[in-house]
Amino acid sequence: MCRFASGFLKGSRVALVLACCVLAACGGEGAAGTGGEIQVTEFNAPVVQPAGHYGYGSDASDAEIAGWDIDIRPDGLGLPPGGGSVEDGELLYEDQCAICHGSFGEGVGRYPVIAGGQGTLTESRPEKTVGSFWPYASTLWDYIHRAMPFAEPESLSDDEVYAISAYVLYLNDLVDYDFELNQDNLASIEMPNKDGFFVDDRPDVNNELCMINCKDPAAIEITSEPAPSEAPDPQVQSAAVAGKSPGESIYQQACALCHASGVGDAPILGERDAWAERIAAGRDLMIASSIDGKGVMPPKGGQLQLSDEDIIAAVDYMIEQLAN
């Protein structure tokens, strides 16, 4: 055993004492047997880890696994208890979803269309909606539960998700207005495109790089080309945009998601008290903040493809609403 003398050891004396301790530990009779072999005891025996483990971390608890295990299978496995009616879903949809997807699922601005489109999948510009393209109703519940509303994902209760899912199915003419969706009947809903997906069984093809005697590009024939898309008729406007000023249209596209409901403390359109501080700061500062972003508000409301003139029009539209 190595003992420290009283007092303070400094410099080389510390190194010498530590060396003595190491030598004593390695050379003592208690650490090694005859012949210098190390004695394996319960204190120094190597820990045998099961395959796939590396000696650190810990197994996930049931509660931790449950927090991630939220996927829903097409047969309904994973759905939580609960339910919601189309009627309840209509109110929730108007409050949480219509600002982006339109009151009838027609989509607003660049946000997705979620209703209609049946019979368009064979056209050059198919309309891929819940009713025309999605093969399983479980995907609808799962997606709303995970990602919606856009600004506050996972804020809906299970019953609210059932109700909104029921209303979206109703918008696609898949259920009646008096229908109530729950964990027992969701998997029984047959989607129109349920047979439109299949496992691609074509084999993988690895083409060899051609270095000599390559095929003449002029002899390569293109056997199919995409059908040309038709230019939109400028006289035809969607119901969601018709009659709106440029500023209002840009507001709906880039600003309404937050300013219609107050998400992230955004001042609600038309509420004078909420806008008082910004109006006092002046129009130029409001425009600069809208273009460059401020706080949780991203530049141009996240719609970076918009021009500065577009944003100015939207700001002026919001200012005009305070005078009405």
Protein backbone atom coordinates (compact mmCIF):
# COMPACT_ATOMS: atom_id res chain seq x y z
CA MET A 1 0.00 0.00 0.00
CA CYS A 2 1.24 3.48 -0.80
CA ARG A 3 0.92 6.07 1.98
CA PHE A 4 1.17 9.84 1.55
CA ALA A 5 3.31 11.73 4.06
CA SER A 6 1.80 14.73 5.71
CA GLY A 7 2.40 18.04 4.02
CA PHE A 8 2.23 19.07 0.36
CA LEU A 9 3.98 17.21 -2.43
CA LYS A 10 5.00 19.32 -5.35
CA GLY A 11 6.68 18.96 -8.71
CA SER A 12 8.75 15.82 -9.25
CA ARG A 13 7.94 14.46 -5.77
CA VAL A 14 4.27 14.09 -6.82
CA ALA A 15 5.26 12.11 -9.91
CA LEU A 16 7.56 9.89 -7.84
CA VAL A 17 4.86 9.10 -5.28
CA LEU A 18 2.31 8.30 -8.04
CA ALA A 19 4.83 5.99 -9.70
CA CYS A 20 5.31 4.16 -6.41
CA CYS A 21 1.57 3.66 -6.12
CA VAL A 22 1.33 2.22 -9.62
CA LEU A 23 4.21 -0.16 -9.04
CA ALA A 24 2.77 -1.31 -5.74
CA ALA A 25 -0.63 -1.95 -7.31
CA CYS A 26 0.82 -3.92 -10.20
CA GLY A 27 3.43 -5.86 -8.25
CA GLY A 28 1.56 -6.65 -5.04
CA GLU A 29 0.64 -10.21 -4.21
CA GLY A 30 -3.08 -9.33 -3.96
CA ALA A 31 -3.35 -8.22 -7.59
CA ALA A 32 -1.44 -11.01 -9.27
CA GLY A 33 -0.73 -14.60 -8.52
CA THR A 34 2.48 -16.47 -8.95
CA GLY A 35 4.09 -16.07 -12.34
CA GLY A 36 2.69 -12.54 -12.79
CA GLU A 37 -0.77 -13.65 -14.03
CA ILE A 38 -3.71 -11.32 -13.28
CA GLN A 39 -6.33 -12.80 -11.02
CA VAL A 40 -9.88 -12.39 -12.46
CA THR A 41 -12.30 -11.39 -9.73
CA GLU A 42 -15.87 -10.09 -9.61
CA PHE A 43 -14.44 -6.59 -9.63
CA ASN A 44 -12.30 -6.76 -12.77
CA ALA A 45 -14.05 -9.43 -14.86
CA PRO A 46 -14.98 -8.13 -18.38
CA VAL A 47 -18.69 -7.47 -18.89
CA VAL A 48 -20.20 -9.64 -21.63
CA GLN A 49 -22.68 -7.58 -23.66
CA PRO A 50 -25.43 -9.16 -25.80
CA ALA A 51 -25.05 -8.92 -29.56
CA GLY A 52 -25.75 -5.42 -30.90
CA HIS A 53 -24.80 -3.64 -27.69
CA TYR A 54 -21.66 -1.60 -27.21
CA GLY A 55 -21.58 -1.14 -23.47
CA TYR A 56 -23.18 2.30 -23.28
CA GLY A 57 -26.67 3.74 -23.26
CA SER A 58 -29.76 1.99 -21.98
CA ASP A 59 -32.78 0.23 -23.41
CA ALA A 60 -35.73 2.49 -24.26
CA SER A 61 -38.53 2.31 -21.73
CA ASP A 62 -42.11 1.46 -22.68
CA ALA A 63 -43.08 5.11 -22.15
CA GLU A 64 -40.29 6.33 -24.44
CA ILE A 65 -41.27 3.87 -27.16
CA ALA A 66 -44.93 4.87 -26.87
CA GLY A 67 -44.00 8.49 -27.54
CA TRP A 68 -42.63 7.55 -30.96
CA ASP A 69 -44.96 4.68 -31.80
CA ILE A 70 -47.77 6.79 -33.30
CA ASP A 71 -48.05 5.35 -36.81
CA ILE A 72 -51.39 3.98 -38.01
CA ARG A 73 -51.62 0.89 -40.23
CA PRO A 74 -54.16 0.52 -43.04
CA ASP A 75 -55.97 -2.14 -41.00
CA GLY A 76 -56.46 0.41 -38.19
CA LEU A 77 -53.81 -0.98 -35.86
CA GLY A 78 -52.46 1.87 -33.74
CA LEU A 79 -55.61 3.99 -33.75
CA PRO A 80 -56.40 5.39 -30.29
CA PRO A 81 -59.88 5.16 -28.75
CA GLY A 82 -62.23 7.95 -29.70
CA GLY A 83 -64.35 9.26 -32.52
CA GLY A 84 -65.75 12.34 -34.21
CA SER A 85 -68.68 13.23 -36.46
CA VAL A 86 -68.74 14.99 -39.80
CA GLU A 87 -70.81 17.76 -38.24
CA ASP A 88 -68.23 18.41 -35.51
CA GLY A 89 -65.46 18.13 -38.07
CA GLU A 90 -67.00 20.85 -40.23
CA LEU A 91 -66.63 23.43 -37.46
CA LEU A 92 -63.11 22.31 -36.61
CA TYR A 93 -62.10 22.27 -40.28
CA GLU A 94 -63.32 25.83 -40.81
CA ASP A 95 -61.38 26.96 -37.76
CA GLN A 96 -58.16 24.98 -38.29
CA CYS A 97 -57.89 24.01 -41.97
CA ALA A 98 -59.93 26.21 -44.33
CA ILE A 99 -57.43 29.06 -44.21
CA CYS A 100 -55.05 26.92 -46.31
CA HIS A 101 -57.20 24.22 -47.92
CA GLY A 102 -60.35 26.26 -48.60
CA SER A 103 -63.84 25.71 -47.20
CA PHE A 104 -64.50 22.92 -49.70
CA GLY A 105 -61.01 21.45 -49.96
CA GLU A 106 -60.26 23.42 -53.13
CA GLY A 107 -56.95 24.77 -51.82
CA VAL A 108 -55.96 28.41 -51.29
CA GLY A 109 -53.01 29.90 -53.15
CA ARG A 110 -50.26 27.28 -53.27
CA TYR A 111 -51.67 25.09 -50.50
CA PRO A 112 -52.80 21.57 -51.49
CA VAL A 113 -56.19 20.73 -52.93
CA ILE A 114 -57.59 17.89 -50.78
CA ALA A 115 -61.02 17.22 -52.32
CA GLY A 116 -62.26 16.34 -55.79
CA GLY A 117 -60.07 15.19 -58.65
CA GLN A 118 -61.78 11.81 -59.13
CA GLY A 119 -61.12 10.45 -62.61
CA THR A 120 -58.14 12.74 -63.33
CA LEU A 121 -55.26 10.35 -62.59
CA THR A 122 -54.94 9.31 -66.24
CA GLU A 123 -54.79 12.92 -67.45
CA SER A 124 -51.58 14.82 -68.16
CA ARG A 125 -52.17 17.02 -65.08
CA PRO A 126 -53.85 14.75 -62.50
CA GLU A 127 -55.45 16.24 -59.39
CA LYS A 128 -54.06 14.12 -56.54
CA THR A 129 -56.40 14.57 -53.60
CA VAL A 130 -57.52 12.49 -50.62
CA GLY A 131 -60.49 11.23 -52.63
CA SER A 132 -58.77 10.66 -55.97
CA PHE A 133 -55.29 9.40 -55.04
CA TRP A 134 -54.86 8.26 -51.43
CA PRO A 135 -55.31 4.48 -51.06
CA TYR A 136 -56.05 4.30 -47.30
CA ALA A 137 -58.17 6.35 -44.92
CA SER A 138 -55.64 5.58 -42.16
CA THR A 139 -53.11 7.82 -43.94
CA LEU A 140 -55.50 10.75 -43.58
CA TRP A 141 -55.85 10.29 -39.81
CA ASP A 142 -52.12 9.70 -39.38
CA TYR A 143 -51.10 12.79 -41.36
CA ILE A 144 -53.53 15.15 -39.63
CA HIS A 145 -52.43 13.79 -36.26
CA ARG A 146 -48.72 14.24 -36.99
CA ALA A 147 -48.52 17.44 -39.00
CA MET A 148 -51.68 19.55 -38.77
CA PRO A 149 -52.53 22.34 -38.29
CA PHE A 150 -49.54 23.57 -40.26
CA ALA A 151 -48.46 26.15 -37.66
CA GLU A 152 -49.26 24.00 -34.59
CA PRO A 153 -48.71 20.31 -35.39
CA GLU A 154 -49.88 17.69 -32.85
CA SER A 155 -52.06 20.27 -31.08
CA LEU A 156 -55.33 18.47 -31.93
CA SER A 157 -56.90 15.91 -29.61
CA ASP A 158 -57.61 12.41 -30.92
CA ASP A 159 -61.35 13.12 -31.11
CA GLU A 160 -60.67 16.32 -33.09
CA VAL A 161 -58.52 14.36 -35.54
CA TYR A 162 -61.33 11.84 -36.01
CA ALA A 163 -63.83 14.65 -36.62
CA ILE A 164 -61.68 16.54 -39.14
CA SER A 165 -60.83 13.27 -40.93
CA ALA A 166 -64.55 12.50 -41.14
CA TYR A 167 -65.27 15.90 -42.67
CA VAL A 168 -62.48 15.57 -45.26
CA LEU A 169 -63.91 12.17 -46.24
CA TYR A 170 -67.32 13.84 -46.53
CA LEU A 171 -65.87 16.56 -48.81
CA ASN A 172 -64.73 13.73 -51.08
CA ASP A 173 -68.21 12.11 -51.12
CA LEU A 174 -66.92 9.03 -49.27
CA VAL A 175 -69.22 9.25 -46.23
CA ASP A 176 -72.61 10.83 -45.45
CA TYR A 177 -73.10 13.94 -43.34
CA ASP A 178 -74.46 11.95 -40.40
CA PHE A 179 -71.39 9.68 -40.33
CA GLU A 180 -69.21 9.33 -37.20
CA LEU A 181 -65.64 8.12 -37.64
CA ASN A 182 -63.99 6.04 -34.91
CA GLN A 183 -61.24 3.48 -34.34
CA ASP A 184 -63.61 0.61 -35.16
CA ASN A 185 -64.86 1.72 -38.58
CA LEU A 186 -61.99 3.75 -40.08
CA ALA A 187 -60.27 0.71 -41.63
CA SER A 188 -63.54 -0.35 -43.31
CA ILE A 189 -63.68 2.78 -45.51
CA GLU A 190 -62.68 1.90 -49.06
CA MET A 191 -60.85 4.65 -50.90
CA PRO A 192 -61.44 4.99 -54.68
CA ASN A 193 -57.76 4.46 -55.52
CA LYS A 194 -57.11 1.56 -53.13
CA ASP A 195 -56.09 -0.70 -56.05
CA GLY A 196 -54.01 1.95 -57.79
CA PHE A 197 -50.75 1.07 -56.04
CA PHE A 198 -48.64 -2.05 -56.52
CA VAL A 199 -45.21 -3.37 -55.64
CA ASP A 200 -42.78 -2.68 -58.48
CA ASP A 201 -41.43 -6.15 -59.27
CA ARG A 202 -39.17 -5.08 -62.12
CA PRO A 203 -35.58 -6.24 -61.58
CA ASP A 204 -32.79 -3.79 -60.92
CA VAL A 205 -30.79 -3.04 -64.06
CA ASN A 206 -27.13 -2.10 -63.92
CA ASN A 207 -26.01 -0.76 -67.27
CA GLU A 208 -22.34 -1.15 -68.04
CA LEU A 209 -20.39 1.98 -68.88
CA CYS A 210 -19.67 2.06 -72.61
CA MET A 211 -16.05 2.77 -73.47
CA ILE A 212 -15.63 1.32 -76.97
CA ASN A 213 -17.98 0.47 -79.85
CA CYS A 214 -20.70 2.57 -78.24
CA LYS A 215 -24.12 3.02 -79.79
CA ASP A 216 -24.45 6.01 -82.09
CA PRO A 217 -26.65 8.58 -80.30
CA ALA A 218 -28.29 9.39 -83.62
CA ALA A 219 -29.60 5.82 -83.77
CA ILE A 220 -31.28 6.04 -80.34
CA GLU A 221 -35.03 6.44 -80.75
CA ILE A 222 -37.27 8.03 -78.14
CA THR A 223 -40.34 5.83 -77.99
CA SER A 224 -42.46 7.92 -75.63
CA GLU A 225 -42.74 11.54 -74.58
CA PRO A 226 -44.84 13.25 -71.93
CA ALA A 227 -48.07 14.69 -73.20
CA PRO A 228 -47.90 18.48 -73.57
CA SER A 229 -49.78 20.30 -70.86
CA GLU A 230 -52.46 22.74 -71.81
CA ALA A 231 -51.88 26.39 -71.00
CA PRO A 232 -54.36 27.65 -68.42
CA ASP A 233 -57.18 29.80 -69.73
CA PRO A 234 -56.56 33.34 -68.42
CA GLN A 235 -60.30 33.90 -68.36
CA VAL A 236 -60.82 31.07 -65.87
CA GLN A 237 -60.19 31.84 -62.21
CA SER A 238 -60.73 29.64 -59.19
CA ALA A 239 -63.49 30.52 -56.76
CA ALA A 240 -60.87 31.04 -54.06
CA VAL A 241 -59.15 33.88 -55.97
CA ALA A 242 -61.92 35.44 -58.06
CA GLY A 243 -62.81 38.98 -57.09
CA LYS A 244 -59.84 39.52 -54.76
CA SER A 245 -57.36 42.37 -55.06
CA PRO A 246 -53.67 41.50 -55.59
CA GLY A 247 -52.93 42.47 -51.99
CA GLU A 248 -55.69 40.26 -50.60
CA SER A 249 -54.56 37.32 -52.73
CA ILE A 250 -50.97 37.67 -51.48
CA TYR A 251 -52.24 38.02 -47.91
CA GLN A 252 -54.17 34.75 -48.25
CA GLN A 253 -51.11 33.03 -49.68
CA ALA A 254 -48.36 34.27 -47.38
CA CYS A 255 -49.86 35.98 -44.33
CA ALA A 256 -53.28 34.61 -43.40
CA LEU A 257 -51.95 31.41 -41.85
CA CYS A 258 -50.75 33.42 -38.84
CA HIS A 259 -52.55 36.75 -39.04
CA ALA A 260 -56.02 35.21 -39.31
CA SER A 261 -55.71 33.25 -36.07
CA GLY A 262 -52.93 34.96 -34.08
CA VAL A 263 -50.43 32.10 -34.26
CA GLY A 264 -47.09 33.06 -32.73
CA ASP A 265 -48.60 36.26 -31.31
CA ALA A 266 -49.16 37.61 -34.82
CA PRO A 267 -51.62 40.53 -34.75
CA ILE A 268 -54.98 39.42 -36.15
CA LEU A 269 -56.18 41.15 -39.29
CA GLY A 270 -58.48 44.08 -38.52
CA GLU A 271 -57.81 44.27 -34.77
CA ARG A 272 -56.71 47.90 -34.25
CA ASP A 273 -55.29 47.48 -30.76
CA ALA A 274 -53.08 44.58 -31.83
CA TRP A 275 -51.67 46.63 -34.73
CA ALA A 276 -51.31 49.94 -32.87
CA GLU A 277 -47.59 49.54 -32.11
CA ARG A 278 -46.78 48.55 -35.68
CA ILE A 279 -48.82 51.37 -37.18
CA ALA A 280 -47.02 53.82 -34.89
CA ALA A 281 -43.66 52.50 -36.13
CA GLY A 282 -44.66 53.38 -39.68
CA ARG A 283 -45.45 51.67 -42.99
CA ASP A 284 -41.80 51.51 -44.13
CA LEU A 285 -40.75 49.51 -41.05
CA MET A 286 -43.73 47.17 -41.48
CA ILE A 287 -42.73 46.54 -45.08
CA ALA A 288 -39.08 45.94 -44.15
CA SER A 289 -40.04 43.48 -41.39
CA SER A 290 -42.38 41.64 -43.76
CA ILE A 291 -39.72 41.31 -46.46
CA ASP A 292 -36.75 40.49 -44.19
CA GLY A 293 -38.61 38.63 -41.44
CA LYS A 294 -38.89 39.44 -37.76
CA GLY A 295 -38.96 37.17 -34.72
CA VAL A 296 -40.78 33.94 -35.58
CA MET A 297 -42.08 35.42 -38.85
CA PRO A 298 -39.93 34.19 -41.76
CA PRO A 299 -38.99 36.50 -44.63
CA LYS A 300 -41.99 37.08 -46.89
CA GLY A 301 -44.08 34.81 -44.71
CA GLY A 302 -42.07 31.83 -45.97
CA GLN A 303 -43.11 32.48 -49.59
CA LEU A 304 -39.70 33.52 -50.91
CA GLN A 305 -40.83 33.29 -54.54
CA LEU A 306 -42.93 36.45 -54.03
CA SER A 307 -41.51 39.79 -55.14
CA ASP A 308 -41.04 42.76 -52.84
CA GLU A 309 -43.93 44.43 -54.67
CA ASP A 310 -46.16 41.48 -53.78
CA ILE A 311 -45.33 41.84 -50.08
CA ILE A 312 -45.89 45.61 -50.20
CA ALA A 313 -49.35 44.97 -51.67
CA ALA A 314 -50.14 42.52 -48.86
CA VAL A 315 -48.97 44.98 -46.18
CA ASP A 316 -51.09 47.74 -47.69
CA TYR A 317 -54.08 45.40 -47.74
CA MET A 318 -53.65 44.64 -44.02
CA ILE A 319 -53.32 48.36 -43.23
CA GLU A 320 -56.49 49.07 -45.21
CA GLN A 321 -58.43 46.58 -43.09
CA LEU A 322 -57.76 48.70 -40.01
CA ALA A 323 -59.64 51.58 -41.57
CA ASN A 324 -62.77 49.52 -42.32
